[in-house]
Amino acid sequence: MNRAAVSQDPLVYLVDDDDAVRDGLALLLRSVGLRSAGYGDPLRFLQELAPQAIGCVVLDIRMPGAGGLDVLARLAEASDLPVLMLTGHASVDLCRRAFKGGAMEFLQKPVDDDAFLDAVQAAVRTHIASRGRLAATQAARDRLARLSGREREVLQCVAQGMSNKEIARLYALSPRTVETYRAHVFEKLEADTLAQLIRQYAALLD
């Protein structure tokens, strides 16, 4: 089975009170080059989880102390890591509650090796892509903050499809002045084309 390599050195958190399950899944993940960290205590996992961690969580649904669904709820408030639920006692109700709580996948023990690896790698790729979009959006916001008030007004007009002459009339400016503002907008936002400018920044102007 062809599995694309996952970048950015992600970490798969294995949260299960069964040592043998954690060890077996860790070995399986190493076979495809994925790092993992095992936790038999879900509360310790929650305490030690790094907010900016990239990867996913494999979470047993039945554990002493804090159950998997409780941990899932707390994760939803503190992290954007995708969560794969793992259980040896599947039921329609548990599955429904897991997905309603934000789980990405629901796997039953003993889990099929290929199904497990496919689910983990899909979750990690999804998380990396999500983090990439967030980083790109934040970078765009940072560039947008470089604009002066007038440059931002010109950008809004450009995004609405207004011509330089229309913008000039709106703000009582000369067309040449508008051209200068427009050039500054493209330069500060590092955009090469109008399409790129609108695609990256129109949604951030509201």
C-alpha atoms as a PDB file:
ATOM      1  CA  MET A   1       0.000   0.000   0.000  1.00  0.00           C
ATOM      2  CA  ASN A   2       1.426   3.359  -0.996  1.00  0.00           C
ATOM      3  CA  ARG A   3       1.442   5.849   1.867  1.00  0.00           C
ATOM      4  CA  ALA A   4       2.780   9.354   1.270  1.00  0.00           C
ATOM      5  CA  ALA A   5       5.376  10.571   3.742  1.00  0.00           C
ATOM      6  CA  VAL A   6       4.034  13.005   6.297  1.00  0.00           C
ATOM      7  CA  SER A   7       6.058  16.176   6.826  1.00  0.00           C
ATOM      8  CA  GLN A   8       6.737  18.511   9.745  1.00  0.00           C
ATOM      9  CA  ASP A   9       7.739  15.616  12.046  1.00  0.00           C
ATOM     10  CA  PRO A  10       4.276  15.022  13.548  1.00  0.00           C
ATOM     11  CA  LEU A  11       3.632  13.137  16.773  1.00  0.00           C
ATOM     12  CA  VAL A  12       0.882  10.568  17.316  1.00  0.00           C
ATOM     13  CA  TYR A  13      -0.388  10.494  20.897  1.00  0.00           C
ATOM     14  CA  LEU A  14      -1.450   7.001  21.980  1.00  0.00           C
ATOM     15  CA  VAL A  15      -3.772   7.291  24.978  1.00  0.00           C
ATOM     16  CA  ASP A  16      -4.764   3.831  26.209  1.00  0.00           C
ATOM     17  CA  ASP A  17      -4.467   2.180  29.624  1.00  0.00           C
ATOM     18  CA  ASP A  18      -3.399  -1.117  27.998  1.00  0.00           C
ATOM     19  CA  ASP A  19       0.416  -1.198  27.746  1.00  0.00           C
ATOM     20  CA  ALA A  20       0.363  -3.957  25.129  1.00  0.00           C
ATOM     21  CA  VAL A  21      -1.967  -1.959  22.873  1.00  0.00           C
ATOM     22  CA  ARG A  22       0.187   1.156  23.127  1.00  0.00           C
ATOM     23  CA  ASP A  23       3.382  -0.781  22.435  1.00  0.00           C
ATOM     24  CA  GLY A  24       1.864  -2.576  19.460  1.00  0.00           C
ATOM     25  CA  LEU A  25       0.514   0.612  17.896  1.00  0.00           C
ATOM     26  CA  ALA A  26       3.812   2.429  18.493  1.00  0.00           C
ATOM     27  CA  LEU A  27       5.676  -0.357  16.696  1.00  0.00           C
ATOM     28  CA  LEU A  28       3.219  -0.179  13.817  1.00  0.00           C
ATOM     29  CA  LEU A  29       3.651   3.596  13.541  1.00  0.00           C
ATOM     30  CA  ARG A  30       7.443   3.294  13.537  1.00  0.00           C
ATOM     31  CA  SER A  31       7.168   0.959  10.550  1.00  0.00           C
ATOM     32  CA  VAL A  32       5.959   3.927   8.476  1.00  0.00           C
ATOM     33  CA  GLY A  33       8.248   6.496  10.067  1.00  0.00           C
ATOM     34  CA  LEU A  34       5.776   8.117  12.451  1.00  0.00           C
ATOM     35  CA  ARG A  35       6.762   9.096  15.978  1.00  0.00           C
ATOM     36  CA  SER A  36       4.449   8.392  18.882  1.00  0.00           C
ATOM     37  CA  ALA A  37       4.113   9.142  22.587  1.00  0.00           C
ATOM     38  CA  GLY A  38       2.218   6.736  24.815  1.00  0.00           C
ATOM     39  CA  TYR A  39       0.066   7.589  27.825  1.00  0.00           C
ATOM     40  CA  GLY A  40      -1.641   5.123  30.121  1.00  0.00           C
ATOM     41  CA  ASP A  41      -3.086   7.987  32.161  1.00  0.00           C
ATOM     42  CA  PRO A  42      -5.405  10.291  30.179  1.00  0.00           C
ATOM     43  CA  LEU A  43      -5.154  13.086  32.747  1.00  0.00           C
ATOM     44  CA  ARG A  44      -1.373  13.108  32.465  1.00  0.00           C
ATOM     45  CA  PHE A  45      -1.749  13.269  28.699  1.00  0.00           C
ATOM     46  CA  LEU A  46      -3.974  16.325  28.975  1.00  0.00           C
ATOM     47  CA  GLN A  47      -1.519  18.003  31.346  1.00  0.00           C
ATOM     48  CA  GLU A  48       1.513  17.384  29.131  1.00  0.00           C
ATOM     49  CA  LEU A  49      -0.066  18.047  25.724  1.00  0.00           C
ATOM     50  CA  ALA A  50       1.743  20.857  23.914  1.00  0.00           C
ATOM     51  CA  PRO A  51      -0.777  23.382  22.506  1.00  0.00           C
ATOM     52  CA  GLN A  52       1.071  23.705  19.192  1.00  0.00           C
ATOM     53  CA  ALA A  53       1.635  19.965  18.703  1.00  0.00           C
ATOM     54  CA  ILE A  54       1.163  18.654  15.171  1.00  0.00           C
ATOM     55  CA  GLY A  55      -0.158  15.161  14.601  1.00  0.00           C
ATOM     56  CA  CYS A  56      -3.197  13.358  16.003  1.00  0.00           C
ATOM     57  CA  VAL A  57      -4.527  11.541  19.061  1.00  0.00           C
ATOM     58  CA  VAL A  58      -5.475   7.872  19.220  1.00  0.00           C
ATOM     59  CA  LEU A  59      -7.789   7.691  22.207  1.00  0.00           C
ATOM     60  CA  ASP A  60      -9.236   4.610  23.899  1.00  0.00           C
ATOM     61  CA  ILE A  61     -12.879   5.161  24.725  1.00  0.00           C
ATOM     62  CA  ARG A  62     -12.940   3.090  27.945  1.00  0.00           C
ATOM     63  CA  MET A  63     -10.296   3.925  30.560  1.00  0.00           C
ATOM     64  CA  PRO A  64     -10.306   4.137  34.354  1.00  0.00           C
ATOM     65  CA  GLY A  65     -10.535   7.641  35.736  1.00  0.00           C
ATOM     66  CA  ALA A  66     -11.280   9.915  32.792  1.00  0.00           C
ATOM     67  CA  GLY A  67     -13.122   8.109  29.996  1.00  0.00           C
ATOM     68  CA  GLY A  68     -12.342   8.643  26.351  1.00  0.00           C
ATOM     69  CA  LEU A  69     -15.435  10.738  25.680  1.00  0.00           C
ATOM     70  CA  ASP A  70     -14.577  13.028  28.607  1.00  0.00           C
ATOM     71  CA  VAL A  71     -11.029  13.428  27.306  1.00  0.00           C
ATOM     72  CA  LEU A  72     -12.424  14.099  23.823  1.00  0.00           C
ATOM     73  CA  ALA A  73     -14.576  16.926  25.200  1.00  0.00           C
ATOM     74  CA  ARG A  74     -11.624  18.493  26.998  1.00  0.00           C
ATOM     75  CA  LEU A  75      -9.441  18.154  23.910  1.00  0.00           C
ATOM     76  CA  ALA A  76     -12.022  19.964  21.813  1.00  0.00           C
ATOM     77  CA  GLU A  77     -11.645  22.984  24.105  1.00  0.00           C
ATOM     78  CA  ALA A  78      -7.840  22.983  24.264  1.00  0.00           C
ATOM     79  CA  SER A  79      -6.465  21.614  20.988  1.00  0.00           C
ATOM     80  CA  ASP A  80      -7.112  21.275  17.274  1.00  0.00           C
ATOM     81  CA  LEU A  81      -5.511  17.824  17.054  1.00  0.00           C
ATOM     82  CA  PRO A  82      -7.647  15.299  15.129  1.00  0.00           C
ATOM     83  CA  VAL A  83      -8.829  12.458  17.358  1.00  0.00           C
ATOM     84  CA  LEU A  84      -9.255   8.793  16.426  1.00  0.00           C
ATOM     85  CA  MET A  85     -11.344   6.840  18.937  1.00  0.00           C
ATOM     86  CA  LEU A  86     -10.384   3.249  19.691  1.00  0.00           C
ATOM     87  CA  THR A  87     -12.577   0.720  21.482  1.00  0.00           C
ATOM     88  CA  GLY A  88     -13.031  -2.977  22.031  1.00  0.00           C
ATOM     89  CA  HIS A  89     -16.735  -2.529  22.766  1.00  0.00           C
ATOM     90  CA  ALA A  90     -18.247  -0.601  19.892  1.00  0.00           C
ATOM     91  CA  SER A  91     -21.893   0.405  19.808  1.00  0.00           C
ATOM     92  CA  VAL A  92     -23.980   2.710  17.673  1.00  0.00           C
ATOM     93  CA  ASP A  93     -24.485   5.034  20.643  1.00  0.00           C
ATOM     94  CA  LEU A  94     -20.762   5.276  21.438  1.00  0.00           C
ATOM     95  CA  CYS A  95     -19.972   5.886  17.779  1.00  0.00           C
ATOM     96  CA  ARG A  96     -22.611   8.596  17.542  1.00  0.00           C
ATOM     97  CA  ARG A  97     -21.386  10.310  20.712  1.00  0.00           C
ATOM     98  CA  ALA A  98     -17.763  10.154  19.555  1.00  0.00           C
ATOM     99  CA  PHE A  99     -18.490  11.777  16.201  1.00  0.00           C
ATOM    100  CA  LYS A 100     -20.763  14.349  17.820  1.00  0.00           C
ATOM    101  CA  GLY A 101     -17.881  15.180  20.162  1.00  0.00           C
ATOM    102  CA  GLY A 102     -15.565  15.854  17.241  1.00  0.00           C
ATOM    103  CA  ALA A 103     -13.819  12.525  16.643  1.00  0.00           C
ATOM    104  CA  MET A 104     -12.464  12.107  13.122  1.00  0.00           C
ATOM    105  CA  GLU A 105     -12.603   8.294  13.082  1.00  0.00           C
ATOM    106  CA  PHE A 106     -13.894   5.414  15.200  1.00  0.00           C
ATOM    107  CA  LEU A 107     -11.860   2.184  15.122  1.00  0.00           C
ATOM    108  CA  GLN A 108     -12.662  -1.124  16.807  1.00  0.00           C
ATOM    109  CA  LYS A 109     -10.111  -3.375  18.549  1.00  0.00           C
ATOM    110  CA  PRO A 110      -8.401  -5.478  17.444  1.00  0.00           C
ATOM    111  CA  VAL A 111      -7.741  -2.823  14.825  1.00  0.00           C
ATOM    112  CA  ASP A 112      -6.683  -3.784  11.319  1.00  0.00           C
ATOM    113  CA  ASP A 113      -3.099  -2.611  10.721  1.00  0.00           C
ATOM    114  CA  ASP A 114      -3.748  -1.054   7.325  1.00  0.00           C
ATOM    115  CA  ALA A 115      -6.980   0.600   8.436  1.00  0.00           C
ATOM    116  CA  PHE A 116      -5.214   2.044  11.479  1.00  0.00           C
ATOM    117  CA  LEU A 117      -2.262   3.407   9.506  1.00  0.00           C
ATOM    118  CA  ASP A 118      -4.507   4.850   6.808  1.00  0.00           C
ATOM    119  CA  ALA A 119      -6.671   6.581   9.418  1.00  0.00           C
ATOM    120  CA  VAL A 120      -3.680   7.989  11.315  1.00  0.00           C
ATOM    121  CA  GLN A 121      -1.937   9.281   8.211  1.00  0.00           C
ATOM    122  CA  ALA A 122      -5.147  10.827   6.910  1.00  0.00           C
ATOM    123  CA  ALA A 123      -5.619  12.574  10.268  1.00  0.00           C
ATOM    124  CA  VAL A 124      -2.038  13.851  10.327  1.00  0.00           C
ATOM    125  CA  ARG A 125      -2.229  15.123   6.745  1.00  0.00           C
ATOM    126  CA  THR A 126      -5.496  16.875   7.576  1.00  0.00           C
ATOM    127  CA  HIS A 127      -3.933  18.533  10.609  1.00  0.00           C
ATOM    128  CA  ILE A 128      -0.840  19.669   8.738  1.00  0.00           C
ATOM    129  CA  ALA A 129      -3.021  21.152   5.986  1.00  0.00           C
ATOM    130  CA  SER A 130      -5.204  22.915   8.564  1.00  0.00           C
ATOM    131  CA  ARG A 131      -2.182  24.381  10.344  1.00  0.00           C
ATOM    132  CA  GLY A 132      -0.791  25.481   6.982  1.00  0.00           C
ATOM    133  CA  ARG A 133      -4.006  27.348   6.166  1.00  0.00           C
ATOM    134  CA  LEU A 134      -3.986  29.005   9.590  1.00  0.00           C
ATOM    135  CA  ALA A 135      -0.367  30.062   9.162  1.00  0.00           C
ATOM    136  CA  ALA A 136      -1.078  31.468   5.698  1.00  0.00           C
ATOM    137  CA  THR A 137      -4.085  33.396   7.012  1.00  0.00           C
ATOM    138  CA  GLN A 138      -2.089  34.850   9.887  1.00  0.00           C
ATOM    139  CA  ALA A 139       0.702  35.864   7.512  1.00  0.00           C
ATOM    140  CA  ALA A 140      -1.870  37.582   5.304  1.00  0.00           C
ATOM    141  CA  ARG A 141      -3.312  39.418   8.325  1.00  0.00           C
ATOM    142  CA  ASP A 142       0.183  40.561   9.287  1.00  0.00           C
ATOM    143  CA  ARG A 143       0.788  41.941   5.787  1.00  0.00           C
ATOM    144  CA  LEU A 144      -2.635  43.580   5.793  1.00  0.00           C
ATOM    145  CA  ALA A 145      -1.686  45.430   8.977  1.00  0.00           C
ATOM    146  CA  ARG A 146       1.093  47.182   7.040  1.00  0.00           C
ATOM    147  CA  LEU A 147      -1.437  49.204   5.057  1.00  0.00           C
ATOM    148  CA  SER A 148      -2.312  52.767   5.931  1.00  0.00           C
ATOM    149  CA  GLY A 149      -5.968  53.691   6.347  1.00  0.00           C
ATOM    150  CA  ARG A 150      -6.195  55.100   2.836  1.00  0.00           C
ATOM    151  CA  GLU A 151      -4.398  52.103   1.330  1.00  0.00           C
ATOM    152  CA  ARG A 152      -6.882  49.799   3.019  1.00  0.00           C
ATOM    153  CA  GLU A 153      -9.775  51.834   1.595  1.00  0.00           C
ATOM    154  CA  VAL A 154      -8.257  51.556  -1.867  1.00  0.00           C
ATOM    155  CA  LEU A 155      -7.835  47.806  -1.385  1.00  0.00           C
ATOM    156  CA  GLN A 156     -11.501  47.465  -0.432  1.00  0.00           C
ATOM    157  CA  CYS A 157     -12.518  49.362  -3.543  1.00  0.00           C
ATOM    158  CA  VAL A 158     -10.241  47.266  -5.753  1.00  0.00           C
ATOM    159  CA  ALA A 159     -11.696  44.093  -4.233  1.00  0.00           C
ATOM    160  CA  GLN A 160     -15.168  45.380  -5.114  1.00  0.00           C
ATOM    161  CA  GLY A 161     -14.102  45.775  -8.738  1.00  0.00           C
ATOM    162  CA  MET A 162     -13.911  49.565  -8.816  1.00  0.00           C
ATOM    163  CA  SER A 163     -11.653  51.244 -11.377  1.00  0.00           C
ATOM    164  CA  ASN A 164      -8.980  53.794 -10.510  1.00  0.00           C
ATOM    165  CA  LYS A 165     -11.189  56.606 -11.847  1.00  0.00           C
ATOM    166  CA  GLU A 166     -14.129  55.486  -9.712  1.00  0.00           C
ATOM    167  CA  ILE A 167     -11.910  55.313  -6.620  1.00  0.00           C
ATOM    168  CA  ALA A 168     -10.498  58.742  -7.422  1.00  0.00           C
ATOM    169  CA  ARG A 169     -13.989  60.263  -7.637  1.00  0.00           C
ATOM    170  CA  LEU A 170     -15.075  58.528  -4.411  1.00  0.00           C
ATOM    171  CA  TYR A 171     -12.219  59.969  -2.357  1.00  0.00           C
ATOM    172  CA  ALA A 172     -11.649  63.198  -4.309  1.00  0.00           C
ATOM    173  CA  LEU A 173      -8.189  62.082  -5.420  1.00  0.00           C
ATOM    174  CA  SER A 174      -6.418  62.233  -8.739  1.00  0.00           C
ATOM    175  CA  PRO A 175      -6.249  58.967 -10.716  1.00  0.00           C
ATOM    176  CA  ARG A 176      -2.449  59.135 -10.481  1.00  0.00           C
ATOM    177  CA  THR A 177      -2.648  59.285  -6.669  1.00  0.00           C
ATOM    178  CA  VAL A 178      -4.933  56.274  -6.696  1.00  0.00           C
ATOM    179  CA  GLU A 179      -2.423  54.465  -8.905  1.00  0.00           C
ATOM    180  CA  THR A 180       0.275  55.219  -6.335  1.00  0.00           C
ATOM    181  CA  TYR A 181      -1.867  53.913  -3.486  1.00  0.00           C
ATOM    182  CA  ARG A 182      -2.703  50.848  -5.517  1.00  0.00           C
ATOM    183  CA  ALA A 183       0.974  50.164  -6.227  1.00  0.00           C
ATOM    184  CA  HIS A 184       1.739  50.468  -2.514  1.00  0.00           C
ATOM    185  CA  VAL A 185      -1.051  47.988  -1.741  1.00  0.00           C
ATOM    186  CA  PHE A 186       0.354  45.402  -4.143  1.00  0.00           C
ATOM    187  CA  GLU A 187       3.869  45.919  -2.809  1.00  0.00           C
ATOM    188  CA  LYS A 188       2.979  45.709   0.894  1.00  0.00           C
ATOM    189  CA  LEU A 189       0.718  42.701   0.401  1.00  0.00           C
ATOM    190  CA  GLU A 190       3.311  40.970  -1.796  1.00  0.00           C
ATOM    191  CA  ALA A 191       0.732  40.275  -4.487  1.00  0.00           C
ATOM    192  CA  ASP A 192       1.709  39.954  -8.142  1.00  0.00           C
ATOM    193  CA  THR A 193      -1.735  39.882  -9.733  1.00  0.00           C
ATOM    194  CA  LEU A 194      -5.199  41.262  -9.034  1.00  0.00           C
ATOM    195  CA  ALA A 195      -6.570  37.718  -8.804  1.00  0.00           C
ATOM    196  CA  GLN A 196      -4.015  36.833  -6.140  1.00  0.00           C
ATOM    197  CA  LEU A 197      -4.792  40.020  -4.239  1.00  0.00           C
ATOM    198  CA  ILE A 198      -8.523  39.330  -4.155  1.00  0.00           C
ATOM    199  CA  ARG A 199      -8.139  35.625  -3.401  1.00  0.00           C
ATOM    200  CA  GLN A 200      -5.859  36.192  -0.415  1.00  0.00           C
ATOM    201  CA  TYR A 201      -7.274  39.348   1.105  1.00  0.00           C
ATOM    202  CA  ALA A 202     -10.904  39.994   0.136  1.00  0.00           C
ATOM    203  CA  ALA A 203     -12.230  37.704   2.876  1.00  0.00           C
ATOM    204  CA  LEU A 204     -10.062  39.426   5.501  1.00  0.00           C
ATOM    205  CA  LEU A 205     -11.488  42.909   4.867  1.00  0.00           C
ATOM    206  CA  ASP A 206     -14.853  42.334   6.543  1.00  0.00           C
END
